[in-house]
Amino acid sequence: MTIKAVCFDLDDTLLWDDRSVREAFEATCKRAQEVKGVDPVELQEQVRKEARSLYESYETISFTKMIGINPFEGLWANFSAGEQPEFRKLEQLAPAYRKESWRRGLLAVGVDDEALAAELAEQFGQERRSRPHVYEETFNILNELKGNYKLLLLTNGCPALQQEKLDGVPELASYFDEVIISGTFGKGKPDPSIFHHALEQLGIKPEEGIMVGDKLTTDIRGSLSVGMTAVWVNRDGRTRSDEIVPDFEIKHLSELHDIIAKKS
């Protein structure tokens, strides 16, 4: 059956979020090195570790997993949008979470300094916001597909933060006929309901749509569950088990052309 629509994930599919986060950590940890002489690589490792541990200790953890909000997003998200009461809890928790993650990370490298932790927590958010990296092929493929296929953006995350990411690259959202954010919908990928919602918004049958994303456990598992063609973006050559098997695997978004041609 002819392909009528292409659905894209946002983070690490169109936006290079991993690079943005990595560079924000590097810049912030460099500040700690300047002030206290700590090893910036070790500090980053410890802050990431402490942030994960602290994040998982909150009662909101099951909700954040369902919506698809990771610990490092919590290090700069304000959680100011979203109707669910859990977002109000996260909004209250966020300032303390950011500071405590850096305080514990500093302690792990031998520095006990609350004021510095607060400074670094603030700096990290600023550094991340200043780095809205986009993959070089993102706009090429969107320009080529726009007008020939319906385009939908399907992203997990907090509504306020995902909108902030889109605002950081203002020309991006205009390519899409629909934008669905899990925190607004109420459930995240891989839950079949959000994929069915996407298909309804597009007005297509599952076999008429392609889902393109970098995460096997969310993008690929979820799209396969509703009968969409699942395309795994694997730029880094990651290995996978046979637990989740995408229909196609690509290293570059330009490879979508051949896949669409095969399916049409």
Protein backbone atom coordinates (compact mmCIF):
# COMPACT_ATOMS: atom_id res chain seq x y z
CA MET A 1 0.00 0.00 0.00
CA THR A 2 1.24 3.51 -0.84
CA ILE A 3 2.89 5.47 1.94
CA LYS A 4 0.93 8.63 2.71
CA ALA A 5 2.59 9.92 5.90
CA VAL A 6 5.91 9.91 7.73
CA CYS A 7 6.09 10.30 11.51
CA PHE A 8 9.30 11.50 13.09
CA ASP A 9 10.64 11.32 16.60
CA LEU A 10 12.31 14.56 17.77
CA ASP A 11 15.24 13.98 20.14
CA ASP A 12 18.27 12.33 18.55
CA THR A 13 16.31 11.81 15.34
CA LEU A 14 15.87 15.38 14.07
CA LEU A 15 17.44 17.30 16.95
CA TRP A 16 20.88 16.19 18.18
CA ASP A 17 19.89 16.24 21.83
CA ASP A 18 22.68 13.96 23.02
CA ARG A 19 25.27 16.42 21.71
CA SER A 20 23.45 19.36 23.30
CA VAL A 21 23.41 17.65 26.70
CA ARG A 22 27.04 16.49 26.42
CA GLU A 23 28.30 19.95 25.53
CA ALA A 24 26.24 21.54 28.33
CA PHE A 25 27.83 19.14 30.82
CA GLU A 26 31.31 19.81 29.46
CA ALA A 27 30.94 23.59 29.68
CA THR A 28 29.46 23.45 33.18
CA CYS A 29 32.04 20.99 34.51
CA LYS A 30 34.80 23.16 33.05
CA ARG A 31 33.57 25.96 35.32
CA ALA A 32 33.94 23.64 38.33
CA GLN A 33 37.45 22.78 37.17
CA GLU A 34 38.34 26.48 37.02
CA VAL A 35 36.98 27.15 40.51
CA LYS A 36 37.94 23.96 42.37
CA GLY A 37 40.42 22.14 40.16
CA VAL A 38 38.24 19.04 39.82
CA ASP A 39 38.49 16.60 36.93
CA PRO A 40 35.63 17.72 34.62
CA VAL A 41 35.21 14.28 33.06
CA GLU A 42 34.88 12.61 36.47
CA LEU A 43 32.49 15.31 37.67
CA GLN A 44 30.22 14.83 34.65
CA GLU A 45 30.18 11.09 35.26
CA GLN A 46 29.27 11.57 38.92
CA VAL A 47 26.56 14.18 38.28
CA ARG A 48 24.95 11.95 35.67
CA LYS A 49 25.04 9.04 38.13
CA GLU A 50 23.64 11.07 41.03
CA ALA A 51 20.96 12.66 38.85
CA ARG A 52 19.71 9.24 37.73
CA SER A 53 19.66 7.91 41.28
CA LEU A 54 17.87 10.93 42.68
CA TYR A 55 15.37 11.02 39.80
CA GLU A 56 14.43 7.39 40.39
CA SER A 57 13.86 8.03 44.11
CA TYR A 58 10.93 10.41 43.53
CA GLU A 59 7.34 9.23 43.60
CA THR A 60 6.93 10.72 40.12
CA ILE A 61 9.25 8.13 38.54
CA SER A 62 6.50 5.89 37.13
CA PHE A 63 4.83 8.93 35.56
CA THR A 64 8.06 10.24 34.03
CA LYS A 65 8.78 6.80 32.60
CA MET A 66 5.28 6.60 31.11
CA ILE A 67 5.57 10.05 29.53
CA GLY A 68 9.21 9.54 28.56
CA ILE A 69 11.09 12.26 30.47
CA ASN A 70 14.70 11.37 31.23
CA PRO A 71 16.79 12.52 34.23
CA PHE A 72 18.91 14.95 32.20
CA GLU A 73 15.84 16.74 30.89
CA GLY A 74 14.93 17.23 34.53
CA LEU A 75 18.21 19.09 34.98
CA TRP A 76 16.91 21.98 32.87
CA ALA A 77 13.13 21.53 32.53
CA ASN A 78 10.74 23.78 34.44
CA PHE A 79 7.67 21.50 33.99
CA SER A 80 5.45 24.57 33.79
CA ALA A 81 2.94 23.01 31.37
CA GLY A 82 0.87 19.83 31.31
CA GLU A 83 -2.49 19.21 32.90
CA GLN A 84 -1.63 16.14 34.98
CA PRO A 85 -1.02 16.75 38.70
CA GLU A 86 2.33 14.98 38.42
CA PHE A 87 3.63 17.92 36.40
CA ARG A 88 2.89 20.24 39.33
CA LYS A 89 4.86 17.89 41.59
CA LEU A 90 7.74 17.90 39.14
CA GLU A 91 7.57 21.67 38.90
CA GLN A 92 8.00 21.86 42.68
CA LEU A 93 10.74 19.22 42.77
CA ALA A 94 12.81 20.54 39.86
CA PRO A 95 14.82 23.36 41.52
CA ALA A 96 15.91 21.17 44.43
CA TYR A 97 16.58 18.24 42.09
CA ARG A 98 18.88 20.32 39.90
CA LYS A 99 20.88 21.70 42.81
CA GLU A 100 21.05 18.39 44.70
CA SER A 101 22.27 16.49 41.64
CA TRP A 102 25.21 18.87 41.32
CA ARG A 103 25.82 18.98 45.08
CA ARG A 104 26.07 15.20 45.24
CA GLY A 105 28.22 15.07 42.12
CA LEU A 106 30.63 17.59 43.63
CA LEU A 107 30.74 15.64 46.89
CA ALA A 108 31.66 12.51 44.97
CA VAL A 109 34.77 14.27 43.64
CA GLY A 110 35.68 15.70 47.04
CA VAL A 111 34.05 19.15 46.93
CA ASP A 112 31.49 20.23 49.53
CA ASP A 113 30.13 23.55 48.27
CA GLU A 114 26.38 24.25 48.14
CA ALA A 115 26.81 27.66 46.59
CA LEU A 116 28.83 26.21 43.73
CA ALA A 117 26.25 23.45 43.26
CA ALA A 118 23.53 26.08 42.89
CA GLU A 119 25.67 28.03 40.42
CA LEU A 120 26.42 24.97 38.31
CA ALA A 121 22.77 23.88 38.33
CA GLU A 122 21.79 27.27 36.94
CA GLN A 123 24.62 27.28 34.42
CA PHE A 124 23.75 23.84 33.06
CA GLY A 125 20.26 25.01 32.11
CA GLN A 126 21.66 28.07 30.37
CA GLU A 127 24.29 26.03 28.54
CA ARG A 128 21.71 23.49 27.32
CA ARG A 129 19.32 26.18 26.13
CA SER A 130 22.09 27.82 24.11
CA ARG A 131 22.76 24.62 22.14
CA PRO A 132 19.79 23.62 19.96
CA HIS A 133 21.78 21.33 17.65
CA VAL A 134 20.13 19.93 14.52
CA TYR A 135 21.49 17.10 12.37
CA GLU A 136 22.82 18.34 9.06
CA GLU A 137 20.37 16.20 7.07
CA THR A 138 17.25 17.17 9.03
CA PHE A 139 16.05 20.05 6.88
CA ASN A 140 17.14 18.35 3.65
CA ILE A 141 14.84 15.40 4.22
CA LEU A 142 11.96 17.53 5.50
CA ASN A 143 12.18 19.80 2.47
CA GLU A 144 12.12 16.78 0.18
CA LEU A 145 9.15 15.14 1.91
CA LYS A 146 7.06 18.25 2.59
CA GLY A 147 4.18 18.52 0.15
CA ASN A 148 4.49 14.92 -1.01
CA TYR A 149 3.59 13.25 2.28
CA LYS A 150 1.81 14.21 5.47
CA LEU A 151 4.36 14.80 8.22
CA LEU A 152 3.80 14.30 11.93
CA LEU A 153 6.13 14.89 14.87
CA LEU A 154 5.63 12.36 17.67
CA THR A 155 7.76 13.10 20.72
CA ASN A 156 7.91 11.91 24.30
CA GLY A 157 8.41 14.48 27.02
CA CYS A 158 7.13 17.39 29.06
CA PRO A 159 5.00 19.77 26.94
CA ALA A 160 6.84 22.88 28.11
CA LEU A 161 10.30 21.42 27.49
CA GLN A 162 9.52 19.87 24.10
CA GLN A 163 7.95 23.15 23.02
CA GLU A 164 11.06 24.97 24.22
CA LYS A 165 13.20 22.64 22.10
CA LEU A 166 11.02 23.41 19.08
CA ASP A 167 11.17 27.13 19.81
CA GLY A 168 14.97 26.85 19.85
CA VAL A 169 14.79 25.83 16.17
CA PRO A 170 11.85 28.01 15.09
CA GLU A 171 11.70 26.83 11.48
CA LEU A 172 11.24 23.16 12.42
CA ALA A 173 7.61 22.96 13.59
CA SER A 174 6.24 24.50 10.39
CA TYR A 175 7.13 21.36 8.43
CA PHE A 176 4.62 19.24 10.35
CA ASP A 177 0.91 18.84 9.81
CA GLU A 178 0.59 17.65 13.41
CA VAL A 179 2.78 17.76 16.53
CA ILE A 180 1.97 15.29 19.32
CA ILE A 181 3.76 15.53 22.67
CA SER A 182 3.28 12.64 25.09
CA GLY A 183 2.91 14.91 28.12
CA THR A 184 -0.06 16.59 26.46
CA PHE A 185 -1.61 13.36 25.20
CA GLY A 186 -1.25 11.62 28.56
CA LYS A 187 0.77 8.55 27.57
CA GLY A 188 4.11 8.16 25.82
CA LYS A 189 5.71 5.87 23.28
CA PRO A 190 5.67 2.85 23.12
CA ASP A 191 2.04 2.82 24.34
CA PRO A 192 -0.09 1.87 21.31
CA SER A 193 -2.68 4.53 22.15
CA ILE A 194 -0.42 7.44 21.21
CA PHE A 195 0.36 5.80 17.86
CA HIS A 196 -3.34 5.18 17.19
CA HIS A 197 -3.91 8.84 18.03
CA ALA A 198 -1.24 9.84 15.51
CA LEU A 199 -2.85 7.70 12.81
CA GLU A 200 -6.24 9.25 13.55
CA GLN A 201 -4.80 12.76 13.34
CA LEU A 202 -3.27 11.91 9.97
CA GLY A 203 -6.37 10.11 8.73
CA ILE A 204 -4.41 7.09 7.52
CA LYS A 205 -4.28 3.33 8.01
CA PRO A 206 -1.24 1.89 9.84
CA GLU A 207 0.21 0.41 6.66
CA GLU A 208 0.13 3.87 5.05
CA GLY A 209 2.49 5.34 7.65
CA ILE A 210 6.19 5.15 8.50
CA MET A 211 7.62 5.86 11.97
CA VAL A 212 11.22 7.10 12.07
CA GLY A 213 13.04 7.14 15.40
CA ASP A 214 16.28 6.36 17.22
CA LYS A 215 14.94 4.36 20.17
CA LEU A 216 14.06 0.70 19.77
CA THR A 217 12.16 0.55 23.06
CA THR A 218 9.83 3.45 22.27
CA ASP A 219 9.71 4.46 18.60
CA ILE A 220 10.20 1.02 17.08
CA ARG A 221 8.35 -1.13 19.61
CA GLY A 222 5.35 1.19 19.59
CA SER A 223 5.03 1.59 15.84
CA LEU A 224 5.41 -2.14 15.24
CA SER A 225 2.63 -2.80 17.76
CA VAL A 226 0.09 -0.92 15.65
CA GLY A 227 1.25 -2.16 12.25
CA MET A 228 3.22 0.84 11.02
CA THR A 229 6.49 0.48 9.13
CA ALA A 230 9.24 1.03 11.70
CA VAL A 231 12.52 2.68 10.67
CA TRP A 232 15.32 2.67 13.22
CA VAL A 233 17.83 5.51 12.95
CA ASN A 234 21.13 4.00 14.10
CA ARG A 235 23.78 6.62 13.36
CA ASP A 236 26.29 5.25 15.87
CA GLY A 237 26.26 1.59 14.85
CA ARG A 238 24.64 0.35 18.06
CA THR A 239 23.99 -3.36 18.34
CA ARG A 240 20.56 -4.76 19.08
CA SER A 241 19.06 -8.06 20.18
CA ASP A 242 16.25 -9.78 18.31
CA GLU A 243 13.74 -8.72 20.96
CA ILE A 244 12.74 -5.66 18.91
CA VAL A 245 13.34 -5.93 15.18
CA PRO A 246 12.72 -2.83 13.05
CA ASP A 247 11.49 -3.17 9.47
CA PHE A 248 14.42 -1.05 8.32
CA GLU A 249 17.65 0.28 9.84
CA ILE A 250 19.32 3.44 8.54
CA LYS A 251 22.36 5.55 9.39
CA HIS A 252 21.24 8.69 7.58
CA LEU A 253 17.80 10.20 7.04
CA SER A 254 18.41 10.41 3.28
CA GLU A 255 17.96 6.62 3.20
CA LEU A 256 14.24 7.14 3.75
CA HIS A 257 13.75 7.77 0.04
CA ASP A 258 14.57 4.19 -0.92
CA ILE A 259 12.41 2.82 1.88
CA ILE A 260 9.40 4.87 0.82
CA ALA A 261 9.93 3.78 -2.78
CA LYS A 262 9.99 0.12 -1.73
CA LYS A 263 6.77 0.52 0.23
CA SER A 264 4.92 2.37 -2.52
